[in-house]
Structure formats: structure tokens, C-alpha cells
Amino acid sequence: MTTIGEHMTASPHTVGRDASLSSASAMMREHGCRHLPVLHGGQLVGVVSDRDVYLVEALDDVDENRVTVEEAMSQEVYSVAPDAPLKEVVREMAAKKYGAAIVMEGRKVVGIFTTIDALVVLGERL
């Protein structure tokens, strides 16, 4: 059985919920990622995507330096254990249109598996 842990991006970059949206955007650009797990007190509280950032940036009269990550993030987070079967996670992501699965060991973020990671796996298997 192939697991998420075999294909995830380990130790993903994270952002605090109180950080500005502009700093989250800069972090995504710097590290070439599209999703950041959002932490508060070391605990996962959400996920912010590049789409969330673009949506806020497109609003008139909004200063993304004053908007916090918490205001733009999704609190609905799909999380899985590293030993979760790849097939089940991919099916769930497709069914619910999730862009990422946050990989957790207990309460600690240990990885992220995104649609890009899924495409890499698909490419390897074709």
C-alpha cells in the first residue's frame, strides 16, 4: 500500500494566524508554494492558499498589510496521518475539491500533500 507519507512534502512552511496576508503572500512566492498550514500556539487552525490571497488582494480598499491570515484562511482543513493510503486521500481530495491535505502526526504538522504532488505521482505511474 502506497501512503501519503511517501509522497508528501515534508516539513512544509507554515504561517501564524496573526501574520499579515502580505507576509504570507511573500512567503508563498519566496518558497514557490501555494498552500500554507496556519498555526496558533503550535496547533493547526487553518490553511491559507494563494487563491485566498488573490481574492483579498482583488478587493477594493483593502490593505493586505492590515488583513491577517486568520481573516482569509479556510478553517476547514483536510488532515491525514502519514500512513493514510494514497488512493483514499486522492479520492477524498477530488471528491471535496481540496487543494491540499495537511499531514499530521498527532497534533504536529509533518507534511503537506497537494494536487501538484498528486500530479507528480500520476506522472510517475503513467
Protein backbone atom coordinates (compact mmCIF):
# COMPACT_ATOMS: atom_id res chain seq x y z
CA MET A 1 0.00 0.00 0.00
CA THR A 2 1.35 3.38 -1.01
CA THR A 3 0.97 6.04 1.68
CA ILE A 4 0.77 9.82 1.74
CA GLY A 5 3.96 9.90 3.79
CA GLU A 6 5.85 8.53 0.79
CA HIS A 7 4.74 11.39 -1.47
CA MET A 8 4.15 14.38 0.81
CA THR A 9 6.31 17.45 1.06
CA ALA A 10 7.88 17.05 4.48
CA SER A 11 8.25 19.93 6.95
CA PRO A 12 6.14 22.42 5.00
CA HIS A 13 6.43 26.13 5.56
CA THR A 14 3.76 27.38 7.96
CA VAL A 15 2.42 30.77 8.94
CA GLY A 16 0.90 32.16 12.14
CA ARG A 17 -2.74 33.17 12.12
CA ASP A 18 -1.85 36.71 13.21
CA ALA A 19 0.63 37.29 10.37
CA SER A 20 -0.32 39.78 7.70
CA LEU A 21 -1.69 38.43 4.46
CA SER A 22 1.06 40.27 2.60
CA SER A 23 3.72 38.37 4.58
CA ALA A 24 2.01 35.05 3.81
CA SER A 25 1.91 36.01 0.13
CA ALA A 26 5.62 36.89 0.19
CA MET A 27 6.41 33.56 1.86
CA MET A 28 4.49 31.65 -0.83
CA ARG A 29 6.35 33.47 -3.59
CA GLU A 30 9.73 33.00 -1.91
CA HIS A 31 9.27 29.27 -1.38
CA GLY A 32 7.24 28.52 -4.51
CA CYS A 33 4.27 27.04 -2.65
CA ARG A 34 0.53 27.60 -2.97
CA HIS A 35 -0.70 26.48 0.47
CA LEU A 36 0.45 27.31 3.99
CA PRO A 37 -0.81 25.50 7.08
CA VAL A 38 -1.84 28.14 9.62
CA LEU A 39 -0.76 27.65 13.21
CA HIS A 40 -1.66 29.23 16.52
CA GLY A 41 0.28 28.19 19.59
CA GLY A 42 1.82 25.38 17.55
CA GLN A 43 -1.61 23.94 16.69
CA LEU A 44 -3.15 23.73 13.23
CA VAL A 45 -6.07 26.16 12.92
CA GLY A 46 -6.45 26.53 9.17
CA VAL A 47 -4.86 26.68 5.76
CA VAL A 48 -4.33 29.70 3.53
CA SER A 49 -3.92 29.33 -0.21
CA ASP A 50 -2.72 31.58 -2.98
CA ARG A 51 -6.36 31.82 -4.09
CA ASP A 52 -7.31 33.21 -0.68
CA VAL A 53 -4.57 35.81 -1.04
CA TYR A 54 -5.60 36.75 -4.59
CA LEU A 55 -9.24 37.10 -3.56
CA VAL A 56 -8.41 39.59 -0.81
CA GLU A 57 -5.89 41.45 -2.97
CA ALA A 58 -8.59 41.89 -5.63
CA LEU A 59 -10.92 43.69 -3.23
CA ASP A 60 -11.03 47.47 -3.47
CA ASP A 61 -9.87 49.49 -0.48
CA VAL A 62 -8.25 46.51 1.26
CA ASP A 63 -4.73 46.79 2.60
CA GLU A 64 -3.26 43.27 2.68
CA ASN A 65 -0.68 44.58 5.17
CA ARG A 66 -3.53 45.06 7.66
CA VAL A 67 -5.52 41.91 6.87
CA THR A 68 -4.43 38.92 8.94
CA VAL A 69 -4.04 35.39 7.68
CA GLU A 70 -6.86 34.37 10.03
CA GLU A 71 -9.26 36.65 8.17
CA ALA A 72 -8.50 34.98 4.82
CA MET A 73 -7.76 31.36 5.72
CA SER A 74 -10.04 28.37 5.49
CA GLN A 75 -10.81 26.79 8.83
CA GLU A 76 -11.97 23.63 7.11
CA VAL A 77 -8.76 21.65 6.88
CA TYR A 78 -8.42 18.17 5.44
CA SER A 79 -5.80 16.42 7.54
CA VAL A 80 -4.47 12.88 7.38
CA ALA A 81 -1.82 10.73 9.04
CA PRO A 82 1.39 9.88 7.17
CA ASP A 83 0.28 6.26 6.88
CA ALA A 84 -3.02 7.19 5.17
CA PRO A 85 -3.44 5.29 1.89
CA LEU A 86 -2.60 7.48 -1.10
CA LYS A 87 -5.60 6.18 -3.03
CA GLU A 88 -8.08 7.19 -0.30
CA VAL A 89 -6.58 10.65 0.18
CA VAL A 90 -6.54 11.41 -3.55
CA ARG A 91 -10.14 10.27 -3.91
CA GLU A 92 -11.25 12.45 -0.98
CA MET A 93 -9.35 15.46 -2.32
CA ALA A 94 -11.00 15.03 -5.71
CA ALA A 95 -14.48 14.48 -4.27
CA LYS A 96 -14.31 17.53 -1.99
CA LYS A 97 -12.11 19.64 -4.31
CA TYR A 98 -9.43 20.09 -1.66
CA GLY A 99 -6.21 21.65 -2.92
CA ALA A 100 -4.17 20.15 -0.11
CA ALA A 101 -4.13 17.59 2.66
CA ILE A 102 -2.20 18.55 5.77
CA VAL A 103 -0.25 15.58 7.08
CA MET A 104 -0.31 15.31 10.86
CA GLU A 105 1.38 13.11 13.44
CA GLY A 106 -0.81 13.64 16.45
CA ARG A 107 -1.15 17.41 16.68
CA LYS A 108 2.06 18.21 14.79
CA VAL A 109 2.16 19.22 11.12
CA VAL A 110 4.74 16.96 9.45
CA GLY A 111 3.89 17.41 5.79
CA ILE A 112 1.56 18.59 3.07
CA PHE A 113 0.22 16.76 0.03
CA THR A 114 -1.13 18.98 -2.73
CA THR A 115 -2.74 18.50 -6.10
CA ILE A 116 0.69 19.11 -7.63
CA ASP A 117 2.08 16.23 -5.56
CA ALA A 118 -0.78 14.08 -6.86
CA LEU A 119 0.09 15.01 -10.44
CA VAL A 120 3.73 14.06 -9.81
CA VAL A 121 2.59 10.63 -8.60
CA LEU A 122 0.32 10.28 -11.63
CA GLY A 123 3.16 11.20 -13.95
CA GLU A 124 5.44 8.62 -12.34
CA ARG A 125 2.85 5.92 -12.83
CA LEU A 126 1.97 6.67 -16.45
